[in-house]
């Protein structure tokens, strides 16, 4: 696939493309760049249909771009229902469309490293509300940990290129993606820990010792 539909220049955004890599899409090589998502690489190469609707088998393409809908779900390295619009592309990945219904993973065994962590404050979601809560907790001297399923912090702020209005305390005059960078930096300066690509999958209530018990799963980090 030699077609390249990437935007080369943008009046606001600066593209920080990494080195050129190659992955496989349904048996064909596709050129991509590190730091871009699987969906972005496919769309740039001319792939417009990512999935099919379950009821009418209608073609579905790129829609939300922030991992909140199901239009970009594909099978990646044998794992079904991967949200390709937020998962970074990697060298030699095997990507394929999965039709109307996803099949179970092809791997017979899944290796998981288990670790128990005690924290004072656990925040689920790294959007503006989560980052704001983390900053406040840090200023109060509480050790905060934020977990978020997406690769980058900021939630929907990262797709906002317009300037926000309001008061200076609420980041008036700054663009959404700039606000997310500032809030993330402020959170880290308080000593907070941010775990990206991490999903909270269970809450098991209050223990006898007064602690709350959660289970979170973090995808493999290279």
N, C-alpha and C. Protein backbone atom coordinates (compact mmCIF):
# COMPACT_ATOMS: atom_id res chain seq x y z
N UNK A 1 0.84 -1.19 0.00
CA UNK A 1 0.00 0.00 0.00
C UNK A 1 0.88 1.25 0.00
N UNK A 2 0.95 1.94 -1.15
CA UNK A 2 1.83 3.10 -1.28
C UNK A 2 1.08 4.42 -1.13
N UNK A 3 -0.25 4.38 -1.09
CA UNK A 3 -1.03 5.60 -0.92
C UNK A 3 -0.75 6.23 0.44
N UNK A 4 -0.60 7.55 0.48
CA UNK A 4 -0.34 8.23 1.74
C UNK A 4 -1.23 9.47 1.84
N UNK A 5 -2.25 9.40 2.70
CA UNK A 5 -3.20 10.50 2.87
C UNK A 5 -2.91 11.33 4.11
N UNK A 6 -1.72 11.25 4.65
CA UNK A 6 -1.39 12.00 5.86
C UNK A 6 -1.34 13.50 5.59
N UNK A 7 -1.76 14.26 6.60
CA UNK A 7 -1.64 15.71 6.54
C UNK A 7 -0.19 16.07 6.84
N UNK A 8 0.43 16.81 5.96
CA UNK A 8 1.84 17.16 6.14
C UNK A 8 2.00 18.43 6.98
N UNK A 9 1.08 19.39 6.82
CA UNK A 9 1.17 20.64 7.56
C UNK A 9 -0.19 20.97 8.15
N UNK A 10 -0.17 21.52 9.36
CA UNK A 10 -1.40 21.90 10.05
C UNK A 10 -1.20 23.27 10.69
N UNK A 11 -2.20 24.14 10.64
CA UNK A 11 -2.00 25.50 11.18
C UNK A 11 -1.83 25.55 12.69
N UNK A 12 -2.21 24.49 13.39
CA UNK A 12 -2.15 24.49 14.85
C UNK A 12 -1.27 23.37 15.40
N UNK A 13 -1.49 22.17 14.91
CA UNK A 13 -0.81 21.00 15.45
C UNK A 13 0.56 20.79 14.84
N UNK A 14 1.45 20.24 15.64
CA UNK A 14 2.78 19.85 15.16
C UNK A 14 2.86 18.33 15.23
N UNK A 15 3.09 17.70 14.10
CA UNK A 15 3.14 16.24 14.05
C UNK A 15 4.52 15.75 14.47
N UNK A 16 4.53 14.90 15.48
CA UNK A 16 5.78 14.34 15.98
C UNK A 16 5.85 12.87 15.58
N UNK A 17 6.09 12.65 14.31
CA UNK A 17 6.14 11.29 13.82
C UNK A 17 7.47 10.64 14.20
N UNK A 18 7.39 9.38 14.56
CA UNK A 18 8.59 8.63 14.89
C UNK A 18 9.19 8.00 13.64
N UNK A 19 9.99 6.98 13.86
CA UNK A 19 10.63 6.32 12.72
C UNK A 19 9.61 5.52 11.92
N UNK A 20 9.92 5.30 10.66
CA UNK A 20 9.01 4.55 9.79
C UNK A 20 9.11 3.06 10.11
N UNK A 21 7.96 2.42 10.21
CA UNK A 21 7.89 0.99 10.50
C UNK A 21 6.91 0.34 9.52
N UNK A 22 6.83 -0.98 9.58
CA UNK A 22 5.92 -1.73 8.72
C UNK A 22 5.15 -2.75 9.55
N UNK A 23 3.84 -2.82 9.31
CA UNK A 23 3.03 -3.86 9.94
C UNK A 23 2.19 -4.54 8.87
N UNK A 24 1.51 -5.61 9.23
CA UNK A 24 0.74 -6.39 8.28
C UNK A 24 -0.76 -6.16 8.49
N UNK A 25 -1.45 -5.82 7.41
CA UNK A 25 -2.91 -5.70 7.46
C UNK A 25 -3.51 -6.69 6.48
N UNK A 26 -4.10 -7.72 7.02
CA UNK A 26 -4.74 -8.77 6.22
C UNK A 26 -3.80 -9.30 5.15
N UNK A 27 -2.57 -9.56 5.58
CA UNK A 27 -1.58 -10.17 4.70
C UNK A 27 -0.79 -9.23 3.83
N UNK A 28 -1.06 -7.93 3.91
CA UNK A 28 -0.34 -6.96 3.09
C UNK A 28 0.44 -6.00 3.98
N UNK A 29 1.66 -5.64 3.56
CA UNK A 29 2.46 -4.70 4.37
C UNK A 29 1.92 -3.28 4.28
N UNK A 30 1.93 -2.60 5.41
CA UNK A 30 1.49 -1.20 5.47
C UNK A 30 2.57 -0.40 6.18
N UNK A 31 2.97 0.71 5.56
CA UNK A 31 3.96 1.58 6.18
C UNK A 31 3.28 2.50 7.19
N UNK A 32 3.94 2.71 8.31
CA UNK A 32 3.39 3.57 9.36
C UNK A 32 4.54 4.28 10.06
N UNK A 33 4.18 5.14 10.99
CA UNK A 33 5.17 5.84 11.80
C UNK A 33 4.88 5.58 13.27
N UNK A 34 5.94 5.40 14.04
CA UNK A 34 5.76 5.32 15.47
C UNK A 34 5.09 6.60 15.96
N UNK A 35 4.33 6.50 17.02
CA UNK A 35 3.57 7.61 17.62
C UNK A 35 2.22 7.84 16.96
N UNK A 36 1.86 7.04 15.95
CA UNK A 36 0.51 7.17 15.41
C UNK A 36 -0.27 5.89 15.69
N UNK A 37 -1.58 5.99 15.69
CA UNK A 37 -2.41 4.84 16.01
C UNK A 37 -2.53 3.89 14.82
N UNK A 38 -2.99 2.68 15.11
CA UNK A 38 -3.22 1.72 14.03
C UNK A 38 -4.21 2.28 13.03
N UNK A 39 -5.31 2.84 13.54
CA UNK A 39 -6.36 3.38 12.67
C UNK A 39 -5.83 4.51 11.80
N UNK A 40 -5.00 5.38 12.36
CA UNK A 40 -4.44 6.49 11.59
C UNK A 40 -3.58 5.97 10.44
N UNK A 41 -2.78 4.95 10.73
CA UNK A 41 -1.92 4.38 9.70
C UNK A 41 -2.74 3.73 8.60
N UNK A 42 -3.81 3.02 8.98
CA UNK A 42 -4.66 2.38 7.98
C UNK A 42 -5.40 3.41 7.14
N UNK A 43 -5.96 4.42 7.79
CA UNK A 43 -6.69 5.46 7.07
C UNK A 43 -5.77 6.19 6.10
N UNK A 44 -4.55 6.46 6.53
CA UNK A 44 -3.59 7.15 5.67
C UNK A 44 -3.21 6.32 4.46
N UNK A 45 -3.31 5.00 4.59
CA UNK A 45 -2.98 4.12 3.47
C UNK A 45 -4.18 3.82 2.59
N UNK A 46 -5.33 4.42 2.91
CA UNK A 46 -6.50 4.27 2.05
C UNK A 46 -7.57 3.32 2.55
N UNK A 47 -7.38 2.71 3.71
CA UNK A 47 -8.38 1.80 4.27
C UNK A 47 -9.47 2.63 4.94
N UNK A 48 -10.69 2.55 4.45
CA UNK A 48 -11.79 3.35 4.98
C UNK A 48 -12.80 2.52 5.77
N UNK A 49 -12.89 1.23 5.50
CA UNK A 49 -13.83 0.36 6.20
C UNK A 49 -13.08 -0.43 7.26
N UNK A 50 -13.42 -0.21 8.52
CA UNK A 50 -12.74 -0.88 9.63
C UNK A 50 -13.53 -2.05 10.19
N UNK A 51 -14.86 -1.97 10.11
CA UNK A 51 -15.69 -3.03 10.70
C UNK A 51 -17.05 -3.05 10.01
N UNK A 52 -17.92 -3.96 10.49
CA UNK A 52 -19.28 -4.08 9.96
C UNK A 52 -20.27 -4.04 11.11
N UNK A 53 -21.41 -3.38 10.88
CA UNK A 53 -22.43 -3.34 11.93
C UNK A 53 -23.01 -4.73 12.14
N UNK A 54 -23.34 -5.03 13.38
CA UNK A 54 -23.80 -6.38 13.72
C UNK A 54 -25.17 -6.68 13.15
N UNK A 55 -26.03 -5.70 13.04
CA UNK A 55 -27.40 -5.96 12.61
C UNK A 55 -27.56 -5.96 11.10
N UNK A 56 -27.04 -4.94 10.44
CA UNK A 56 -27.28 -4.79 9.00
C UNK A 56 -26.03 -5.04 8.15
N UNK A 57 -24.90 -5.33 8.78
CA UNK A 57 -23.66 -5.57 8.05
C UNK A 57 -23.20 -4.35 7.27
N UNK A 58 -23.58 -3.17 7.73
CA UNK A 58 -23.16 -1.94 7.04
C UNK A 58 -21.69 -1.64 7.34
N UNK A 59 -20.97 -1.08 6.38
CA UNK A 59 -19.56 -0.73 6.62
C UNK A 59 -19.44 0.40 7.63
N UNK A 60 -18.46 0.29 8.51
CA UNK A 60 -18.21 1.32 9.51
C UNK A 60 -16.75 1.75 9.41
N UNK A 61 -16.52 3.05 9.48
CA UNK A 61 -15.17 3.58 9.39
C UNK A 61 -14.79 4.33 10.65
N UNK A 62 -13.77 5.16 10.52
CA UNK A 62 -13.28 5.94 11.66
C UNK A 62 -14.37 6.92 12.10
N UNK A 63 -14.69 6.92 13.39
CA UNK A 63 -15.76 7.79 13.87
C UNK A 63 -15.29 8.71 15.00
N UNK A 64 -15.13 8.19 16.22
CA UNK A 64 -14.84 9.09 17.35
C UNK A 64 -13.35 9.43 17.46
N UNK A 65 -12.49 8.48 17.20
CA UNK A 65 -11.05 8.73 17.27
C UNK A 65 -10.46 8.80 18.66
N UNK A 66 -11.27 8.53 19.70
CA UNK A 66 -10.76 8.60 21.08
C UNK A 66 -11.11 7.33 21.87
N UNK A 67 -11.42 6.25 21.17
CA UNK A 67 -11.63 4.97 21.84
C UNK A 67 -12.95 4.81 22.56
N UNK A 68 -13.99 5.57 22.19
CA UNK A 68 -15.25 5.50 22.90
C UNK A 68 -16.38 4.85 22.11
N UNK A 69 -16.18 4.57 20.84
CA UNK A 69 -17.22 3.89 20.07
C UNK A 69 -16.68 2.52 19.64
N UNK A 70 -17.40 1.84 18.77
CA UNK A 70 -16.98 0.49 18.37
C UNK A 70 -16.64 0.39 16.89
N UNK A 71 -16.58 1.53 16.21
CA UNK A 71 -16.41 1.49 14.75
C UNK A 71 -15.05 0.99 14.30
N UNK A 72 -14.02 1.11 15.15
CA UNK A 72 -12.67 0.76 14.71
C UNK A 72 -12.18 -0.56 15.32
N UNK A 73 -13.08 -1.34 15.91
CA UNK A 73 -12.66 -2.59 16.56
C UNK A 73 -12.10 -3.56 15.53
N UNK A 74 -10.88 -4.05 15.78
CA UNK A 74 -10.24 -5.02 14.90
C UNK A 74 -9.51 -6.07 15.72
N UNK A 75 -9.03 -7.07 15.03
CA UNK A 75 -8.24 -8.13 15.65
C UNK A 75 -6.76 -7.79 15.46
N UNK A 76 -6.03 -7.69 16.56
CA UNK A 76 -4.62 -7.30 16.52
C UNK A 76 -3.79 -8.35 17.23
N UNK A 77 -2.87 -8.96 16.50
CA UNK A 77 -2.02 -10.02 17.06
C UNK A 77 -2.85 -11.09 17.76
N UNK A 78 -3.99 -11.43 17.15
CA UNK A 78 -4.84 -12.49 17.67
C UNK A 78 -5.82 -12.06 18.73
N UNK A 79 -5.77 -10.80 19.17
CA UNK A 79 -6.66 -10.31 20.22
C UNK A 79 -7.82 -9.56 19.58
N UNK A 80 -9.07 -9.96 19.86
CA UNK A 80 -10.23 -9.31 19.23
C UNK A 80 -10.61 -8.01 19.91
N UNK A 81 -11.44 -7.24 19.22
CA UNK A 81 -12.05 -6.02 19.77
C UNK A 81 -11.03 -5.00 20.28
N UNK A 82 -9.94 -4.84 19.55
CA UNK A 82 -8.94 -3.83 19.89
C UNK A 82 -9.39 -2.49 19.31
N UNK A 83 -9.39 -1.45 20.14
CA UNK A 83 -9.78 -0.12 19.68
C UNK A 83 -8.59 0.52 18.96
N UNK A 84 -8.55 0.32 17.66
CA UNK A 84 -7.36 0.67 16.89
C UNK A 84 -7.11 2.17 16.79
N UNK A 85 -8.10 2.99 17.14
CA UNK A 85 -7.89 4.44 17.02
C UNK A 85 -7.05 5.00 18.16
N UNK A 86 -6.86 4.22 19.24
CA UNK A 86 -6.06 4.71 20.37
C UNK A 86 -4.86 3.82 20.67
N UNK A 87 -4.75 2.69 20.00
CA UNK A 87 -3.62 1.79 20.24
C UNK A 87 -2.48 2.13 19.28
N UNK A 88 -1.30 2.43 19.80
CA UNK A 88 -0.18 2.79 18.92
C UNK A 88 0.23 1.62 18.03
N UNK A 89 0.57 1.95 16.80
CA UNK A 89 1.03 0.92 15.88
C UNK A 89 2.46 0.51 16.24
N UNK A 90 2.78 -0.75 16.04
CA UNK A 90 4.11 -1.26 16.35
C UNK A 90 4.62 -2.12 15.20
N UNK A 91 5.91 -2.21 15.12
CA UNK A 91 6.57 -2.99 14.07
C UNK A 91 6.05 -4.43 14.07
N UNK A 92 5.74 -4.94 12.86
CA UNK A 92 5.36 -6.34 12.63
C UNK A 92 4.03 -6.74 13.25
N UNK A 93 3.20 -5.79 13.65
CA UNK A 93 1.86 -6.11 14.14
C UNK A 93 1.06 -6.84 13.05
N UNK A 94 0.18 -7.72 13.48
CA UNK A 94 -0.73 -8.41 12.56
C UNK A 94 -2.14 -7.89 12.83
N UNK A 95 -2.69 -7.16 11.87
CA UNK A 95 -3.99 -6.51 12.04
C UNK A 95 -4.95 -7.03 10.98
N UNK A 96 -6.20 -7.28 11.40
CA UNK A 96 -7.21 -7.72 10.44
C UNK A 96 -8.60 -7.32 10.92
N UNK A 97 -9.49 -7.13 9.96
CA UNK A 97 -10.88 -6.88 10.31
C UNK A 97 -11.49 -8.18 10.81
N UNK A 98 -12.51 -8.06 11.68
CA UNK A 98 -13.05 -9.26 12.31
C UNK A 98 -14.51 -9.53 11.94
N UNK A 99 -15.04 -8.82 10.95
CA UNK A 99 -16.40 -9.08 10.53
C UNK A 99 -17.42 -8.58 11.54
N UNK A 100 -18.60 -9.17 11.49
CA UNK A 100 -19.68 -8.72 12.38
C UNK A 100 -19.48 -9.18 13.82
N UNK A 101 -18.87 -10.33 13.99
CA UNK A 101 -18.70 -10.88 15.34
C UNK A 101 -17.24 -11.26 15.57
N UNK A 102 -16.75 -10.90 16.72
CA UNK A 102 -15.35 -11.20 17.05
C UNK A 102 -15.22 -12.62 17.58
N UNK A 103 -14.13 -13.27 17.22
CA UNK A 103 -13.83 -14.60 17.73
C UNK A 103 -12.97 -14.47 18.99
N UNK A 104 -12.93 -15.52 19.77
CA UNK A 104 -12.11 -15.52 20.98
C UNK A 104 -10.64 -15.40 20.61
N UNK A 105 -9.80 -14.91 21.53
CA UNK A 105 -8.36 -14.79 21.24
C UNK A 105 -7.77 -16.13 20.82
N UNK A 106 -6.80 -16.07 19.91
CA UNK A 106 -6.17 -17.29 19.42
C UNK A 106 -5.15 -17.84 20.40
N UNK A 107 -4.74 -17.02 21.40
CA UNK A 107 -3.75 -17.48 22.36
C UNK A 107 -4.40 -18.42 23.37
N UNK A 108 -3.81 -19.57 23.61
CA UNK A 108 -4.36 -20.52 24.57
C UNK A 108 -3.99 -20.15 25.99
N UNK A 109 -2.91 -19.40 26.16
CA UNK A 109 -2.47 -18.99 27.49
C UNK A 109 -2.16 -17.49 27.51
N UNK A 110 -2.52 -16.87 28.60
CA UNK A 110 -2.21 -15.45 28.79
C UNK A 110 -1.40 -15.31 30.06
N UNK A 111 -0.22 -14.77 29.95
CA UNK A 111 0.67 -14.62 31.10
C UNK A 111 0.47 -13.23 31.72
N UNK A 112 0.18 -13.22 33.00
CA UNK A 112 -0.09 -11.98 33.71
C UNK A 112 0.83 -11.89 34.92
N UNK A 113 1.48 -10.76 35.07
CA UNK A 113 2.29 -10.50 36.26
C UNK A 113 1.42 -9.78 37.29
N UNK A 114 1.30 -10.37 38.46
CA UNK A 114 0.42 -9.82 39.50
C UNK A 114 1.22 -9.01 40.50
N UNK A 115 0.69 -7.85 40.85
CA UNK A 115 1.35 -6.98 41.82
C UNK A 115 0.29 -6.30 42.68
N UNK A 116 0.50 -6.29 43.99
CA UNK A 116 -0.41 -5.60 44.90
C UNK A 116 0.20 -4.27 45.31
N UNK A 117 -0.57 -3.21 45.12
CA UNK A 117 -0.08 -1.86 45.39
C UNK A 117 -1.04 -1.16 46.36
N UNK A 118 -0.50 -0.54 47.38
CA UNK A 118 -1.30 0.23 48.33
C UNK A 118 -1.13 1.72 48.05
N UNK A 119 -2.24 2.41 47.85
CA UNK A 119 -2.20 3.84 47.56
C UNK A 119 -3.19 4.57 48.46
N UNK A 120 -2.93 5.85 48.69
CA UNK A 120 -3.85 6.65 49.49
C UNK A 120 -5.07 7.08 48.69
N UNK A 121 -4.83 7.50 47.45
CA UNK A 121 -5.92 7.96 46.59
C UNK A 121 -5.78 7.31 45.22
N UNK A 122 -6.82 6.62 44.78
CA UNK A 122 -6.86 6.03 43.44
C UNK A 122 -7.91 6.76 42.62
N UNK A 123 -7.51 7.26 41.47
CA UNK A 123 -8.41 8.01 40.59
C UNK A 123 -8.54 7.25 39.29
N UNK A 124 -9.77 6.93 38.92
CA UNK A 124 -10.02 6.20 37.68
C UNK A 124 -10.43 7.20 36.61
N UNK A 125 -9.60 7.35 35.60
CA UNK A 125 -9.85 8.30 34.52
C UNK A 125 -8.90 9.47 34.56
N UNK A 126 -8.17 9.66 33.46
CA UNK A 126 -7.17 10.72 33.40
C UNK A 126 -7.57 11.89 32.53
N UNK A 127 -8.88 12.19 32.49
CA UNK A 127 -9.34 13.38 31.80
C UNK A 127 -9.14 14.60 32.67
N UNK A 128 -9.75 15.74 32.30
CA UNK A 128 -9.55 16.96 33.10
C UNK A 128 -10.03 16.81 34.54
N UNK A 129 -11.13 16.09 34.77
CA UNK A 129 -11.62 15.90 36.13
C UNK A 129 -10.66 15.05 36.95
N UNK A 130 -10.18 13.95 36.34
CA UNK A 130 -9.25 13.08 37.04
C UNK A 130 -7.93 13.77 37.34
N UNK A 131 -7.40 14.49 36.35
CA UNK A 131 -6.15 15.21 36.56
C UNK A 131 -6.32 16.30 37.62
N UNK A 132 -7.47 16.99 37.58
CA UNK A 132 -7.73 18.02 38.58
C UNK A 132 -7.80 17.45 39.98
N UNK A 133 -8.46 16.29 40.11
CA UNK A 133 -8.54 15.63 41.42
C UNK A 133 -7.16 15.20 41.89
N UNK A 134 -6.34 14.71 40.95
CA UNK A 134 -4.99 14.29 41.30
C UNK A 134 -4.12 15.44 41.75
N UNK A 135 -4.26 16.58 41.09
CA UNK A 135 -3.49 17.78 41.47
C UNK A 135 -3.89 18.22 42.88
N UNK A 136 -5.19 18.24 43.14
CA UNK A 136 -5.67 18.65 44.46
C UNK A 136 -5.19 17.70 45.55
N UNK A 137 -5.27 16.39 45.27
CA UNK A 137 -4.80 15.40 46.25
C UNK A 137 -3.32 15.58 46.53
N UNK A 138 -2.55 15.84 45.47
CA UNK A 138 -1.11 16.03 45.65
C UNK A 138 -0.78 17.24 46.49
N UNK A 139 -1.53 18.33 46.28
CA UNK A 139 -1.29 19.55 47.05
C UNK A 139 -1.64 19.36 48.53
N UNK A 140 -2.53 18.41 48.81
CA UNK A 140 -2.90 18.10 50.20
C UNK A 140 -1.96 17.09 50.84
N UNK A 141 -0.95 16.68 50.08
CA UNK A 141 0.02 15.74 50.62
C UNK A 141 -0.38 14.29 50.53
N UNK A 142 -1.39 14.00 49.71
CA UNK A 142 -1.85 12.62 49.55
C UNK A 142 -1.22 12.02 48.29
N UNK A 143 -0.73 10.82 48.38
CA UNK A 143 -0.15 10.16 47.23
C UNK A 143 -1.23 9.64 46.30
N UNK A 144 -1.38 10.26 45.14
CA UNK A 144 -2.45 9.90 44.21
C UNK A 144 -1.91 9.09 43.04
N UNK A 145 -2.70 8.11 42.62
CA UNK A 145 -2.41 7.32 41.43
C UNK A 145 -3.60 7.44 40.49
N UNK A 146 -3.34 7.81 39.25
CA UNK A 146 -4.39 7.89 38.23
C UNK A 146 -4.20 6.73 37.26
N UNK A 147 -5.29 6.02 36.97
CA UNK A 147 -5.24 4.99 35.93
C UNK A 147 -6.21 5.38 34.82
N UNK A 148 -5.77 5.17 33.58
CA UNK A 148 -6.59 5.53 32.43
C UNK A 148 -6.32 4.54 31.32
N UNK A 149 -7.36 4.15 30.59
CA UNK A 149 -7.22 3.12 29.57
C UNK A 149 -6.55 3.61 28.29
N UNK A 150 -6.43 4.91 28.12
CA UNK A 150 -5.87 5.45 26.89
C UNK A 150 -4.36 5.63 26.97
N UNK A 151 -3.69 5.71 25.82
CA UNK A 151 -2.23 5.89 25.83
C UNK A 151 -1.79 7.24 26.38
N UNK A 152 -2.60 8.29 26.15
CA UNK A 152 -2.19 9.65 26.54
C UNK A 152 -3.17 10.26 27.53
N UNK A 153 -2.68 11.09 28.45
CA UNK A 153 -3.56 11.74 29.43
C UNK A 153 -4.35 12.88 28.80
N UNK A 154 -5.45 13.24 29.46
CA UNK A 154 -6.21 14.41 29.02
C UNK A 154 -7.63 14.14 28.60
N UNK A 155 -8.00 12.87 28.39
CA UNK A 155 -9.36 12.57 27.96
C UNK A 155 -9.69 13.25 26.65
N UNK A 156 -10.88 13.86 26.58
CA UNK A 156 -11.30 14.49 25.34
C UNK A 156 -10.60 15.83 25.08
N UNK A 157 -9.85 16.32 26.05
CA UNK A 157 -9.09 17.55 25.82
C UNK A 157 -8.08 17.40 24.69
N UNK A 158 -7.56 16.19 24.52
CA UNK A 158 -6.48 16.02 23.55
C UNK A 158 -6.94 16.22 22.11
N UNK A 159 -8.25 16.19 21.87
CA UNK A 159 -8.73 16.41 20.50
C UNK A 159 -9.25 17.83 20.29
N UNK A 160 -9.19 18.66 21.33
CA UNK A 160 -9.73 20.02 21.23
C UNK A 160 -8.63 20.98 20.78
N UNK A 161 -8.78 21.53 19.58
CA UNK A 161 -7.78 22.46 19.05
C UNK A 161 -8.22 23.92 19.17
N UNK A 162 -9.46 24.16 19.59
CA UNK A 162 -9.92 25.54 19.73
C UNK A 162 -9.48 26.12 21.07
N UNK A 163 -9.51 27.43 21.17
CA UNK A 163 -9.14 28.10 22.42
C UNK A 163 -10.36 28.18 23.34
N UNK A 164 -10.15 27.84 24.60
CA UNK A 164 -11.23 27.86 25.58
C UNK A 164 -11.44 29.28 26.11
N UNK A 165 -12.68 29.57 26.52
CA UNK A 165 -12.99 30.88 27.10
C UNK A 165 -13.24 30.71 28.59
N UNK A 166 -13.43 31.81 29.29
CA UNK A 166 -13.66 31.76 30.73
C UNK A 166 -12.61 32.56 31.47
N UNK A 167 -12.28 32.10 32.67
CA UNK A 167 -11.30 32.80 33.51
C UNK A 167 -9.90 32.25 33.29
N UNK A 168 -8.92 33.03 33.69
CA UNK A 168 -7.53 32.60 33.55
C UNK A 168 -7.26 31.37 34.40
N UNK A 169 -7.94 31.29 35.55
CA UNK A 169 -7.75 30.13 36.43
C UNK A 169 -8.25 28.84 35.77
N UNK A 170 -9.16 28.99 34.81
CA UNK A 170 -9.71 27.83 34.10
C UNK A 170 -9.09 27.69 32.71
N UNK A 171 -7.88 28.21 32.56
CA UNK A 171 -7.09 28.05 31.33
C UNK A 171 -7.70 28.75 30.11
N UNK A 172 -8.36 29.87 30.32
CA UNK A 172 -8.92 30.61 29.20
C UNK A 172 -7.82 31.03 28.24
N UNK A 173 -8.11 30.94 26.94
CA UNK A 173 -7.15 31.33 25.92
C UNK A 173 -6.24 30.22 25.47
N UNK A 174 -6.31 29.07 26.13
CA UNK A 174 -5.48 27.93 25.75
C UNK A 174 -6.32 26.89 25.01
N UNK A 175 -5.66 26.12 24.18
CA UNK A 175 -6.33 25.05 23.45
C UNK A 175 -6.42 23.80 24.32
N UNK A 176 -7.38 22.94 24.00
CA UNK A 176 -7.61 21.77 24.84
C UNK A 176 -6.39 20.90 25.03
N UNK A 177 -5.68 20.60 23.95
CA UNK A 177 -4.52 19.72 24.07
C UNK A 177 -3.40 20.39 24.87
N UNK A 178 -3.35 21.73 24.86
CA UNK A 178 -2.37 22.45 25.68
C UNK A 178 -2.74 22.36 27.16
N UNK A 179 -4.04 22.43 27.44
CA UNK A 179 -4.50 22.32 28.82
C UNK A 179 -4.17 20.95 29.39
N UNK A 180 -4.36 19.91 28.58
CA UNK A 180 -4.06 18.55 29.06
C UNK A 180 -2.58 18.41 29.40
N UNK A 181 -1.72 19.01 28.59
CA UNK A 181 -0.28 18.94 28.86
C UNK A 181 0.07 19.66 30.16
N UNK A 182 -0.55 20.83 30.38
CA UNK A 182 -0.28 21.60 31.60
C UNK A 182 -0.75 20.85 32.83
N UNK A 183 -1.98 20.31 32.77
CA UNK A 183 -2.53 19.60 33.92
C UNK A 183 -1.74 18.34 34.23
N UNK A 184 -1.31 17.64 33.20
CA UNK A 184 -0.51 16.43 33.42
C UNK A 184 0.82 16.79 34.08
N UNK A 185 1.44 17.86 33.61
CA UNK A 185 2.71 18.29 34.19
C UNK A 185 2.52 18.71 35.65
N UNK A 186 1.44 19.43 35.94
CA UNK A 186 1.18 19.84 37.32
C UNK A 186 0.94 18.62 38.22
N UNK A 187 0.24 17.63 37.70
CA UNK A 187 0.00 16.41 38.48
C UNK A 187 1.30 15.69 38.79
N UNK A 188 2.17 15.56 37.79
CA UNK A 188 3.45 14.87 38.01
C UNK A 188 4.32 15.64 38.99
N UNK A 189 4.23 16.97 38.97
CA UNK A 189 5.03 17.78 39.88
C UNK A 189 4.63 17.59 41.34
N UNK A 190 3.41 17.12 41.58
CA UNK A 190 2.98 16.84 42.95
C UNK A 190 3.47 15.48 43.43
N UNK A 191 4.14 14.74 42.55
CA UNK A 191 4.60 13.40 42.91
C UNK A 191 3.63 12.30 42.57
N UNK A 192 2.58 12.64 41.82
CA UNK A 192 1.57 11.65 41.45
C UNK A 192 2.09 10.64 40.44
N UNK A 193 1.44 9.48 40.42
CA UNK A 193 1.79 8.40 39.49
C UNK A 193 0.67 8.24 38.48
N UNK A 194 1.02 8.22 37.20
CA UNK A 194 0.03 8.08 36.13
C UNK A 194 0.28 6.78 35.39
N UNK A 195 -0.72 5.90 35.37
CA UNK A 195 -0.62 4.62 34.67
C UNK A 195 -1.53 4.65 33.45
N UNK A 196 -0.92 4.76 32.27
CA UNK A 196 -1.70 4.76 31.05
C UNK A 196 -1.98 3.32 30.60
N UNK A 197 -2.87 3.18 29.62
CA UNK A 197 -3.26 1.87 29.09
C UNK A 197 -3.61 0.90 30.21
N UNK A 198 -4.31 1.40 31.20
CA UNK A 198 -4.68 0.60 32.38
C UNK A 198 -6.18 0.71 32.59
N UNK A 199 -6.84 -0.43 32.73
CA UNK A 199 -8.29 -0.47 32.89
C UNK A 199 -8.67 -0.99 34.26
N UNK A 200 -9.57 -0.29 34.94
CA UNK A 200 -10.14 -0.78 36.19
C UNK A 200 -11.23 -1.79 35.84
N UNK A 201 -11.09 -3.02 36.31
CA UNK A 201 -12.01 -4.08 35.91
C UNK A 201 -12.81 -4.65 37.07
N UNK A 202 -12.54 -4.22 38.30
CA UNK A 202 -13.30 -4.76 39.42
C UNK A 202 -13.16 -3.95 40.69
N UNK A 203 -14.26 -3.87 41.44
CA UNK A 203 -14.24 -3.24 42.76
C UNK A 203 -14.87 -4.20 43.75
N UNK A 204 -14.14 -4.50 44.84
CA UNK A 204 -14.58 -5.54 45.76
C UNK A 204 -14.90 -5.00 47.15
N UNK A 205 -15.30 -3.75 47.21
CA UNK A 205 -15.83 -3.20 48.44
C UNK A 205 -14.80 -2.86 49.50
N UNK A 206 -15.32 -2.55 50.67
CA UNK A 206 -14.51 -2.12 51.80
C UNK A 206 -14.07 -3.33 52.62
N UNK A 207 -12.76 -3.43 52.84
CA UNK A 207 -12.23 -4.53 53.64
C UNK A 207 -12.35 -4.23 55.13
N UNK A 208 -12.08 -5.24 55.96
CA UNK A 208 -12.18 -5.09 57.41
C UNK A 208 -11.20 -4.05 57.94
N UNK A 209 -10.07 -3.89 57.24
CA UNK A 209 -9.07 -2.93 57.71
C UNK A 209 -9.34 -1.51 57.21
N UNK A 210 -10.49 -1.29 56.57
CA UNK A 210 -10.84 0.04 56.12
C UNK A 210 -10.37 0.40 54.73
N UNK A 211 -9.74 -0.53 54.03
CA UNK A 211 -9.24 -0.25 52.69
C UNK A 211 -10.26 -0.70 51.64
N UNK A 212 -10.27 0.02 50.53
CA UNK A 212 -11.07 -0.38 49.37
C UNK A 212 -10.20 -1.25 48.47
N UNK A 213 -10.82 -2.21 47.80
CA UNK A 213 -10.07 -3.16 46.98
C UNK A 213 -10.50 -3.05 45.52
N UNK A 214 -9.53 -2.76 44.66
CA UNK A 214 -9.78 -2.66 43.22
C UNK A 214 -8.87 -3.63 42.48
N UNK A 215 -9.29 -4.01 41.29
CA UNK A 215 -8.41 -4.74 40.38
C UNK A 215 -8.31 -3.95 39.08
N UNK A 216 -7.09 -3.74 38.64
CA UNK A 216 -6.84 -3.03 37.39
C UNK A 216 -5.89 -3.86 36.54
N UNK A 217 -6.04 -3.76 35.24
CA UNK A 217 -5.21 -4.51 34.31
C UNK A 217 -4.47 -3.53 33.41
N UNK A 218 -3.16 -3.66 33.37
CA UNK A 218 -2.35 -2.80 32.50
C UNK A 218 -1.80 -3.61 31.35
N UNK A 219 -2.04 -3.11 30.14
CA UNK A 219 -1.53 -3.80 28.96
C UNK A 219 -0.01 -3.73 28.92
N UNK A 220 0.58 -4.68 28.26
CA UNK A 220 2.03 -4.82 28.24
C UNK A 220 2.68 -3.56 27.71
N UNK A 221 3.67 -3.08 28.42
CA UNK A 221 4.42 -1.89 28.02
C UNK A 221 5.76 -2.32 27.42
N UNK A 222 6.08 -1.78 26.24
CA UNK A 222 7.36 -2.11 25.61
C UNK A 222 8.48 -1.32 26.24
